[in-house]
Amino acid sequence: MDTNLVAGILLPLFVILMLCGMPIAVAIGLSSLAAITVILPYDLIFFQGAQQMFGGINSFGMLAVPFFMLAGNIMNHGGIARKLINLALMFGGRMPGALAHANVMGNMLFGTLSGSGMACTAAIGGTMAPIQKEKGYDPAFSAAINIASGPVGMLIPPSGLLILFSIVSGGVSVAGLFMGGWIPGLLWGFAVMLVAYFMAKRYNLPTEESDLTFGQKMKVVLDSIPALMLIVIVMGGIVGGVFTATEGAAIAVVYSLLLSLYYGTINRKMLISTLTDTAVTTGVILFLVAVSSLMSWIMAYAQIPEMIGNFLLTVTDNKIILLLIINVALLVLGTFMDATPAILIFTPILMPIATQMFGMDPIQFGVMMIFNLGIGNITPPVGCVLFVGAAVGETKIEKVLPYLTPVFLVLLLVLALVTYVPAVTLFLPNLFGV
């Protein structure tokens, strides 16, 4: 078997199909089918291919992904975002550009519940944009801050992407990834708030002094506590070993449903719509996982990761430079590929290079990878969060990008910390023994 031949068929064909506008799952499947003809005789191709695809989704841990998605959708449709925005407004009101800071805090709070950058951007931005416009904020500035902080939910647990990485990587601790995502996620949010602060000072944006009485402030806090308790229950149970990530995801669904009923913000029609949306999205993700599992098997069988690793070592054996190359590659990939297929395809290629050749902890690599792809979510040309944020902010992307540029620069500095300072990611996992 010629490794170069397999790689020469698999990777270029995948890129060509993508450039032709083929859906990414179909592009993965067709390129994998073409490459497998070089590896196996024709009478085994469909048997082995079907077996690898089924094996990729035949995982108890995979159930956590649709469960957390459903919990996030219920929270989103159940009006939980409004409770968290009220809390964020109360704490962020004293700073210049108060509504921008409240937007970031709202995305951070809601991100812990939804785990989805697009859901955060749509839910929080859709609520905050009209308020900010009324107060005289430039819609492009408001949209930029909302977009920049939207992907925080990809890092702050419970995150479906962290669970997906755990499955694809061969069983990296979900609890460890959850704990490892906290500090980088918080740093992301604080970095956006720092940029928003200096922009607000420059454009003389107002503060929002709260005129609430002490009793009203307490009511805002008490209203938000039930939603925030979901984090305590799920994270505490998983880290404490009371239940697995999958069981925690199922508990999150039940809790979010009960909470929406308690708030009186969900009805039968809304629940049916929520279940339907989750089922459709889950189907897409599972198909992606299935075909990506086939591609990963082909790459492993043909020793493509080893070939790429050896090639990188011919370029340099300096750990700092190689990690920089990996980061640049992930940033570029994230600009035109969604995070889910990127994790499925490139984890088997890049993770052995970082962990086996240079001793990077798998938890640190996973968080670093998702941080990169999160930046990609807000970057043209694909940037799904970028498009959603511009749409809910009722502005154009070309007007948003000048405000986003300083945020990109600060986020790259935070990414450097995540990459080269292991304690940023590993402090909490080591502290809690996970």
Protein backbone atom coordinates (compact mmCIF):
# COMPACT_ATOMS: atom_id res chain seq x y z
CA MET A 1 0.00 0.00 0.00
CA ASP A 2 1.35 3.41 -1.03
CA THR A 3 0.70 5.97 1.72
CA ASN A 4 1.44 8.83 -0.66
CA LEU A 5 -1.10 7.50 -3.15
CA VAL A 6 -3.85 7.25 -0.49
CA ALA A 7 -3.05 10.74 0.80
CA GLY A 8 -2.88 12.02 -2.79
CA ILE A 9 -6.41 10.79 -3.43
CA LEU A 10 -8.07 11.46 -0.08
CA LEU A 11 -6.98 15.00 0.81
CA PRO A 12 -6.95 16.74 -2.62
CA LEU A 13 -10.31 15.21 -3.58
CA PHE A 14 -11.82 16.35 -0.29
CA VAL A 15 -10.57 19.92 -0.86
CA ILE A 16 -11.78 19.96 -4.49
CA LEU A 17 -15.26 18.75 -3.52
CA MET A 18 -15.42 21.38 -0.76
CA LEU A 19 -14.40 24.15 -3.19
CA CYS A 20 -17.09 22.96 -5.60
CA GLY A 21 -19.71 23.66 -2.94
CA MET A 22 -20.38 20.04 -1.99
CA PRO A 23 -21.87 19.59 1.53
CA ILE A 24 -18.98 18.79 3.83
CA ALA A 25 -20.35 15.41 4.96
CA VAL A 26 -20.82 14.32 1.34
CA ALA A 27 -17.33 15.57 0.46
CA ILE A 28 -15.85 13.52 3.29
CA GLY A 29 -17.82 10.43 2.30
CA LEU A 30 -16.99 10.55 -1.43
CA SER A 31 -13.28 11.27 -0.90
CA SER A 32 -13.09 8.45 1.66
CA LEU A 33 -14.87 6.07 -0.72
CA ALA A 34 -12.39 6.93 -3.46
CA ALA A 35 -9.39 6.44 -1.16
CA ILE A 36 -10.60 3.13 0.28
CA THR A 37 -10.48 1.57 -3.20
CA VAL A 38 -6.69 1.78 -2.99
CA ILE A 39 -6.61 0.03 0.39
CA LEU A 40 -9.13 -2.81 0.10
CA PRO A 41 -10.41 -5.19 -2.60
CA TYR A 42 -13.78 -4.24 -4.04
CA ASP A 43 -15.69 -7.05 -2.30
CA LEU A 44 -14.68 -5.68 1.13
CA ILE A 45 -15.06 -1.94 0.52
CA PHE A 46 -18.73 -1.55 1.44
CA PHE A 47 -18.57 -4.05 4.29
CA GLN A 48 -15.55 -2.39 5.92
CA GLY A 49 -16.81 1.10 5.15
CA ALA A 50 -20.23 0.46 6.69
CA GLN A 51 -18.61 -1.16 9.72
CA GLN A 52 -16.35 1.84 10.35
CA MET A 53 -19.20 4.32 9.91
CA PHE A 54 -21.47 2.43 12.29
CA GLY A 55 -18.66 1.98 14.79
CA GLY A 56 -18.05 5.74 14.78
CA ILE A 57 -21.52 6.52 16.13
CA ASN A 58 -22.04 3.34 18.17
CA SER A 59 -20.91 5.00 21.37
CA PHE A 60 -22.70 5.57 24.67
CA GLY A 61 -20.70 8.76 25.10
CA MET A 62 -22.04 10.10 21.80
CA LEU A 63 -25.51 10.35 23.38
CA ALA A 64 -24.28 13.28 25.45
CA VAL A 65 -24.03 15.48 22.34
CA PRO A 66 -27.74 15.46 21.34
CA PHE A 67 -28.80 15.58 25.00
CA PHE A 68 -26.77 18.74 25.69
CA MET A 69 -28.00 20.21 22.40
CA LEU A 70 -31.58 19.55 23.45
CA ALA A 71 -31.00 21.08 26.89
CA GLY A 72 -29.50 24.18 25.25
CA ASN A 73 -32.40 24.48 22.82
CA ILE A 74 -34.94 24.19 25.62
CA MET A 75 -33.08 26.87 27.56
CA ASN A 76 -32.95 29.07 24.47
CA HIS A 77 -36.64 28.72 23.60
CA GLY A 78 -37.69 28.74 27.23
CA GLY A 79 -36.76 32.36 27.88
CA ILE A 80 -33.79 31.63 30.15
CA ALA A 81 -31.63 34.13 28.27
CA ARG A 82 -33.70 37.06 29.54
CA LYS A 83 -33.09 36.07 33.18
CA LEU A 84 -29.34 35.96 32.58
CA ILE A 85 -29.32 39.26 30.69
CA ASN A 86 -31.00 40.96 33.65
CA LEU A 87 -28.26 39.58 35.90
CA ALA A 88 -25.54 40.70 33.50
CA LEU A 89 -27.02 44.19 33.20
CA MET A 90 -27.06 44.55 36.97
CA PHE A 91 -23.36 43.69 37.31
CA GLY A 92 -22.07 45.42 34.16
CA GLY A 93 -23.96 48.68 34.49
CA ARG A 94 -21.28 50.80 36.14
CA MET A 95 -18.70 50.47 33.33
CA PRO A 96 -18.55 52.61 30.16
CA GLY A 97 -20.32 50.75 27.39
CA ALA A 98 -22.33 48.93 30.02
CA LEU A 99 -24.66 47.23 27.54
CA ALA A 100 -21.68 45.80 25.63
CA HIS A 101 -20.28 44.33 28.87
CA ALA A 102 -23.70 42.95 29.72
CA ASN A 103 -23.78 41.35 26.26
CA VAL A 104 -20.46 39.59 26.94
CA MET A 105 -21.54 38.48 30.43
CA GLY A 106 -24.83 37.24 28.99
CA ASN A 107 -23.00 35.14 26.39
CA MET A 108 -20.69 33.75 29.06
CA LEU A 109 -23.60 32.83 31.34
CA PHE A 110 -25.80 31.45 28.58
CA GLY A 111 -22.82 29.74 26.96
CA THR A 112 -22.40 27.56 30.03
CA LEU A 113 -25.97 26.35 29.49
CA SER A 114 -26.26 26.10 25.71
CA GLY A 115 -22.69 25.15 24.72
CA SER A 116 -23.34 26.67 21.28
CA GLY A 117 -21.77 29.80 19.86
CA MET A 118 -24.59 30.36 17.38
CA ALA A 119 -27.29 29.84 20.04
CA CYS A 120 -25.62 32.38 22.35
CA THR A 121 -25.14 34.92 19.60
CA ALA A 122 -28.73 34.62 18.44
CA ALA A 123 -30.37 34.51 21.89
CA ILE A 124 -28.37 37.20 23.69
CA GLY A 125 -27.74 39.38 20.65
CA GLY A 126 -31.36 39.25 19.58
CA THR A 127 -32.38 40.58 22.98
CA MET A 128 -29.57 43.11 23.46
CA ALA A 129 -29.39 44.64 19.96
CA PRO A 130 -32.66 46.64 20.18
CA ILE A 131 -31.75 47.94 23.66
CA GLN A 132 -28.27 49.01 22.50
CA LYS A 133 -29.66 50.69 19.38
CA GLU A 134 -32.14 52.64 21.52
CA LYS A 135 -29.26 53.87 23.71
CA GLY A 136 -27.31 55.15 20.70
CA TYR A 137 -24.80 52.34 20.24
CA ASP A 138 -23.46 51.80 16.72
CA PRO A 139 -25.15 48.55 15.56
CA ALA A 140 -21.86 47.39 14.04
CA PHE A 141 -20.05 47.82 17.37
CA SER A 142 -22.84 46.01 19.26
CA ALA A 143 -22.82 43.17 16.74
CA ALA A 144 -19.01 42.89 16.89
CA ILE A 145 -18.96 42.48 20.68
CA ASN A 146 -21.82 39.98 20.52
CA ILE A 147 -20.05 37.99 17.79
CA ALA A 148 -16.67 38.07 19.56
CA SER A 149 -18.10 36.66 22.80
CA GLY A 150 -20.53 34.18 21.20
CA PRO A 151 -18.11 31.21 20.90
CA VAL A 152 -17.27 31.28 24.64
CA GLY A 153 -19.89 28.53 25.04
CA MET A 154 -17.65 26.21 23.03
CA LEU A 155 -15.12 26.29 25.89
CA ILE A 156 -17.10 26.87 29.08
CA PRO A 157 -18.75 23.58 30.01
CA PRO A 158 -20.93 21.73 29.52
CA SER A 159 -19.80 21.88 25.89
CA GLY A 160 -20.78 19.38 23.23
CA LEU A 161 -17.55 20.04 21.34
CA LEU A 162 -15.45 19.05 24.36
CA ILE A 163 -17.43 15.80 24.57
CA LEU A 164 -16.98 15.23 20.84
CA PHE A 165 -13.23 15.77 21.16
CA SER A 166 -13.16 13.25 24.01
CA ILE A 167 -14.81 10.62 21.81
CA VAL A 168 -12.69 11.28 18.71
CA SER A 169 -9.43 11.39 20.68
CA GLY A 170 -10.02 7.93 22.11
CA GLY A 171 -11.29 8.73 25.57
CA VAL A 172 -9.64 11.86 26.96
CA SER A 173 -11.38 12.57 30.28
CA VAL A 174 -14.58 14.57 29.75
CA ALA A 175 -14.36 15.84 33.34
CA GLY A 176 -10.78 16.95 32.70
CA LEU A 177 -11.77 18.73 29.49
CA PHE A 178 -14.69 20.41 31.25
CA MET A 179 -12.46 21.70 34.02
CA GLY A 180 -9.73 22.62 31.53
CA GLY A 181 -12.11 24.77 29.50
CA TRP A 182 -13.08 27.08 32.35
CA ILE A 183 -10.03 29.37 32.60
CA PRO A 184 -9.47 29.75 28.81
CA GLY A 185 -13.20 30.42 28.39
CA LEU A 186 -13.23 33.06 31.10
CA LEU A 187 -10.06 34.63 29.68
CA TRP A 188 -11.78 34.81 26.28
CA GLY A 189 -14.75 36.63 27.81
CA PHE A 190 -12.61 39.02 29.86
CA ALA A 191 -10.44 39.77 26.80
CA VAL A 192 -13.52 40.84 24.82
CA MET A 193 -14.68 42.97 27.76
CA LEU A 194 -11.25 44.65 27.91
CA VAL A 195 -11.45 45.62 24.24
CA ALA A 196 -15.07 46.73 24.70
CA TYR A 197 -14.01 48.93 27.65
CA PHE A 198 -11.37 50.84 25.68
CA MET A 199 -13.69 51.18 22.68
CA ALA A 200 -16.44 52.47 24.97
CA LYS A 201 -14.06 55.06 26.44
CA ARG A 202 -13.05 56.13 22.93
CA TYR A 203 -16.61 56.53 21.70
CA ASN A 204 -17.95 57.95 25.01
CA LEU A 205 -20.53 55.22 25.45
CA PRO A 206 -22.68 55.61 28.57
CA THR A 207 -22.82 53.66 31.77
CA GLU A 208 -26.14 52.21 32.90
CA GLU A 209 -26.49 52.98 36.58
CA SER A 210 -29.09 50.68 38.04
CA ASP A 211 -32.11 52.34 39.64
CA LEU A 212 -33.25 49.06 41.15
CA THR A 213 -33.85 48.86 44.87
CA PHE A 214 -32.02 46.31 46.97
CA GLY A 215 -35.12 44.10 46.95
CA GLN A 216 -35.39 44.28 43.15
CA LYS A 217 -31.71 43.40 42.79
CA MET A 218 -32.21 40.39 45.04
CA LYS A 219 -35.14 39.31 42.88
CA VAL A 220 -32.95 39.47 39.76
CA VAL A 221 -30.32 37.30 41.49
CA LEU A 222 -32.90 34.82 42.78
CA ASP A 223 -34.54 34.56 39.34
CA SER A 224 -31.20 33.61 37.76
CA ILE A 225 -30.09 31.11 40.41
CA PRO A 226 -32.25 28.20 39.15
CA ALA A 227 -30.71 28.55 35.67
CA LEU A 228 -27.17 28.78 37.03
CA MET A 229 -27.75 25.76 39.24
CA LEU A 230 -27.69 23.63 36.10
CA ILE A 231 -23.95 24.27 35.88
CA VAL A 232 -23.43 23.26 39.50
CA ILE A 233 -25.49 20.09 39.15
CA VAL A 234 -23.97 18.89 35.88
CA MET A 235 -20.37 19.90 36.58
CA GLY A 236 -20.49 18.77 40.21
CA GLY A 237 -21.93 15.39 39.27
CA ILE A 238 -19.44 14.72 36.49
CA VAL A 239 -16.33 15.92 38.31
CA GLY A 240 -17.46 14.24 41.54
CA GLY A 241 -17.99 10.93 39.73
CA VAL A 242 -21.69 10.80 40.64
CA PHE A 243 -22.66 10.29 36.99
CA THR A 244 -21.09 10.17 33.54
CA ALA A 245 -21.17 12.98 30.99
CA THR A 246 -23.98 11.21 29.14
CA GLU A 247 -26.05 10.81 32.28
CA GLY A 248 -25.29 14.43 33.16
CA ALA A 249 -26.56 15.49 29.73
CA ALA A 250 -29.83 13.60 30.26
CA ILE A 251 -30.19 15.25 33.69
CA ALA A 252 -29.60 18.63 32.01
CA VAL A 253 -32.51 17.97 29.63
CA VAL A 254 -34.89 17.06 32.47
CA TYR A 255 -33.74 20.01 34.58
CA SER A 256 -34.02 22.54 31.74
CA LEU A 257 -37.50 21.27 30.88
CA LEU A 258 -38.65 21.53 34.50
CA LEU A 259 -37.09 24.98 34.76
CA SER A 260 -38.90 26.20 31.63
CA LEU A 261 -42.16 24.86 33.05
CA TYR A 262 -41.39 26.61 36.34
CA TYR A 263 -40.83 29.91 34.54
CA GLY A 264 -43.94 29.24 32.44
CA THR A 265 -42.05 30.06 29.24
CA ILE A 266 -42.60 26.88 27.20
CA ASN A 267 -45.69 25.26 25.71
CA ARG A 268 -46.47 22.16 23.69
CA LYS A 269 -45.99 23.82 20.30
CA MET A 270 -42.63 25.26 21.34
CA LEU A 271 -41.52 21.91 22.78
CA ILE A 272 -42.37 20.09 19.54
CA SER A 273 -40.44 22.70 17.55
CA THR A 274 -37.48 22.37 19.93
CA LEU A 275 -37.45 18.56 19.63
CA THR A 276 -37.69 18.77 15.84
CA ASP A 277 -34.81 21.26 15.55
CA THR A 278 -32.65 19.12 17.82
CA ALA A 279 -33.45 15.95 15.87
CA VAL A 280 -32.52 17.57 12.56
CA THR A 281 -29.25 18.97 13.91
CA THR A 282 -28.43 15.65 15.60
CA GLY A 283 -28.97 13.80 12.32
CA VAL A 284 -26.54 16.09 10.55
CA ILE A 285 -23.93 15.70 13.29
CA LEU A 286 -24.24 11.91 13.44
CA PHE A 287 -23.84 11.63 9.67
CA LEU A 288 -20.75 13.83 9.92
CA VAL A 289 -19.37 11.66 12.71
CA ALA A 290 -20.04 8.48 10.70
CA VAL A 291 -18.27 9.57 7.50
CA SER A 292 -15.48 11.25 9.47
CA SER A 293 -14.89 7.97 11.33
CA LEU A 294 -14.38 6.29 7.97
CA MET A 295 -11.94 9.00 6.90
CA SER A 296 -10.06 8.74 10.21
CA TRP A 297 -9.77 4.96 9.83
CA ILE A 298 -8.40 5.35 6.30
CA MET A 299 -5.84 7.92 7.46
CA ALA A 300 -4.77 5.70 10.36
CA TYR A 301 -4.60 2.58 8.14
CA ALA A 302 -2.48 4.44 5.59
CA GLN A 303 -0.34 6.03 8.35
CA ILE A 304 -1.07 9.53 7.07
CA PRO A 305 -0.73 11.19 10.54
CA GLU A 306 2.76 9.70 10.88
CA MET A 307 3.63 10.93 7.40
CA ILE A 308 2.48 14.47 8.24
CA GLY A 309 4.30 14.36 11.59
CA ASN A 310 7.54 13.25 9.94
CA PHE A 311 7.16 16.00 7.34
CA LEU A 312 6.73 18.64 10.05
CA LEU A 313 9.83 17.33 11.80
CA THR A 314 11.83 17.86 8.60
CA VAL A 315 10.74 21.50 8.74
CA THR A 316 11.77 21.97 12.38
CA ASP A 317 12.04 19.98 15.58
CA ASN A 318 11.48 23.07 17.74
CA LYS A 319 8.39 22.54 19.89
CA ILE A 320 7.49 26.23 19.99
CA ILE A 321 7.60 26.61 16.21
CA LEU A 322 5.73 23.36 15.55
CA LEU A 323 2.94 24.34 17.93
CA LEU A 324 2.82 27.70 16.14
CA ILE A 325 2.44 25.85 12.81
CA ILE A 326 -0.38 23.71 14.27
CA ASN A 327 -2.13 26.82 15.57
CA VAL A 328 -1.86 28.60 12.22
CA ALA A 329 -3.20 25.50 10.45
CA LEU A 330 -6.18 25.27 12.82
CA LEU A 331 -6.89 29.01 12.51
CA VAL A 332 -6.91 28.74 8.71
CA LEU A 333 -9.08 25.61 8.80
CA GLY A 334 -11.48 27.30 11.20
CA THR A 335 -12.07 30.15 8.76
CA PHE A 336 -13.78 27.89 6.23
CA MET A 337 -14.80 24.77 8.16
CA ASP A 338 -17.25 24.37 11.03
CA ALA A 339 -15.81 23.18 14.35
CA THR A 340 -17.54 19.77 14.38
CA PRO A 341 -16.08 18.32 11.15
CA ALA A 342 -12.73 19.99 11.88
CA ILE A 343 -12.50 18.15 15.22
CA LEU A 344 -13.56 14.87 13.59
CA ILE A 345 -11.08 15.10 10.73
CA PHE A 346 -7.99 16.75 12.18
CA THR A 347 -7.84 15.45 15.76
CA PRO A 348 -6.43 12.06 14.60
CA ILE A 349 -3.83 13.89 12.49
CA LEU A 350 -2.63 16.65 14.81
CA MET A 351 -3.11 15.22 18.29
CA PRO A 352 -0.39 12.50 17.99
CA ILE A 353 2.08 15.15 16.82
CA ALA A 354 1.43 17.39 19.81
CA THR A 355 1.00 14.72 22.50
CA GLN A 356 3.33 11.89 21.47
CA MET A 357 6.14 13.87 19.87
CA PHE A 358 6.19 16.84 22.25
CA GLY A 359 4.42 15.61 25.36
CA MET A 360 1.53 18.08 25.35
CA ASP A 361 -1.26 16.98 27.65
CA PRO A 362 -4.31 15.77 25.63
CA ILE A 363 -6.59 18.04 27.69
CA GLN A 364 -4.47 21.07 26.84
CA PHE A 365 -4.42 20.10 23.16
CA GLY A 366 -8.20 19.66 23.07
CA VAL A 367 -8.87 23.06 24.64
CA MET A 368 -6.27 24.69 22.37
CA MET A 369 -7.88 23.12 19.29
CA ILE A 370 -11.39 24.27 20.20
CA PHE A 371 -10.09 27.75 21.08
CA ASN A 372 -8.63 27.98 17.56
CA LEU A 373 -11.84 26.76 15.94
CA GLY A 374 -13.85 29.18 18.07
CA ILE A 375 -11.85 32.07 16.60
CA GLY A 376 -12.57 30.56 13.19
CA ASN A 377 -16.30 30.77 13.94
CA ILE A 378 -16.05 34.57 14.01
CA THR A 379 -13.74 34.87 11.01
CA PRO A 380 -14.63 35.17 7.28
CA PRO A 381 -15.27 33.49 4.87
CA VAL A 382 -17.50 30.95 6.67
CA GLY A 383 -17.66 32.23 10.26
CA CYS A 384 -21.12 30.95 11.17
CA VAL A 385 -21.23 33.04 14.36
CA LEU A 386 -20.12 36.08 12.34
CA PHE A 387 -23.08 35.75 9.98
CA VAL A 388 -25.60 35.04 12.75
CA GLY A 389 -24.35 38.00 14.80
CA ALA A 390 -24.52 40.39 11.85
CA ALA A 391 -28.03 39.20 11.03
CA VAL A 392 -29.46 39.62 14.55
CA GLY A 393 -27.66 42.96 14.86
CA GLU A 394 -29.21 44.13 11.58
CA THR A 395 -25.89 45.29 10.17
CA LYS A 396 -23.43 44.32 7.44
CA ILE A 397 -20.35 42.18 7.96
CA GLU A 398 -18.04 44.73 6.31
CA LYS A 399 -19.11 47.27 8.95
CA VAL A 400 -18.52 44.78 11.78
CA LEU A 401 -15.00 43.69 10.80
CA PRO A 402 -13.17 46.96 11.76
CA TYR A 403 -14.55 46.61 15.30
CA LEU A 404 -13.60 42.91 15.38
CA THR A 405 -9.97 43.42 14.37
CA PRO A 406 -8.64 44.49 17.82
CA VAL A 407 -10.60 41.62 19.39
CA PHE A 408 -8.83 39.16 17.08
CA LEU A 409 -5.45 40.48 18.20
CA VAL A 410 -6.27 40.14 21.91
CA LEU A 411 -7.74 36.66 21.43
CA LEU A 412 -4.54 35.57 19.66
CA LEU A 413 -2.59 36.64 22.76
CA VAL A 414 -4.90 34.54 24.95
CA LEU A 415 -4.47 31.64 22.50
CA ALA A 416 -0.70 31.94 22.93
CA LEU A 417 -1.15 31.60 26.70
CA VAL A 418 -3.32 28.51 26.24
CA THR A 419 -0.74 27.00 23.88
CA TYR A 420 2.50 27.73 25.70
CA VAL A 421 1.46 27.94 29.37
CA PRO A 422 0.02 24.52 30.35
CA ALA A 423 -1.18 25.76 33.76
CA VAL A 424 -3.79 27.98 32.06
CA THR A 425 -5.63 24.81 31.01
CA LEU A 426 -4.38 22.20 33.47
CA PHE A 427 -4.56 24.05 36.78
CA LEU A 428 -8.20 23.15 37.52
CA PRO A 429 -8.01 19.53 36.23
CA ASN A 430 -4.95 18.95 38.41
CA LEU A 431 -6.59 20.70 41.37
CA PHE A 432 -9.65 18.45 41.19
CA GLY A 433 -7.70 15.32 40.24
CA VAL A 434 -9.34 14.83 36.85
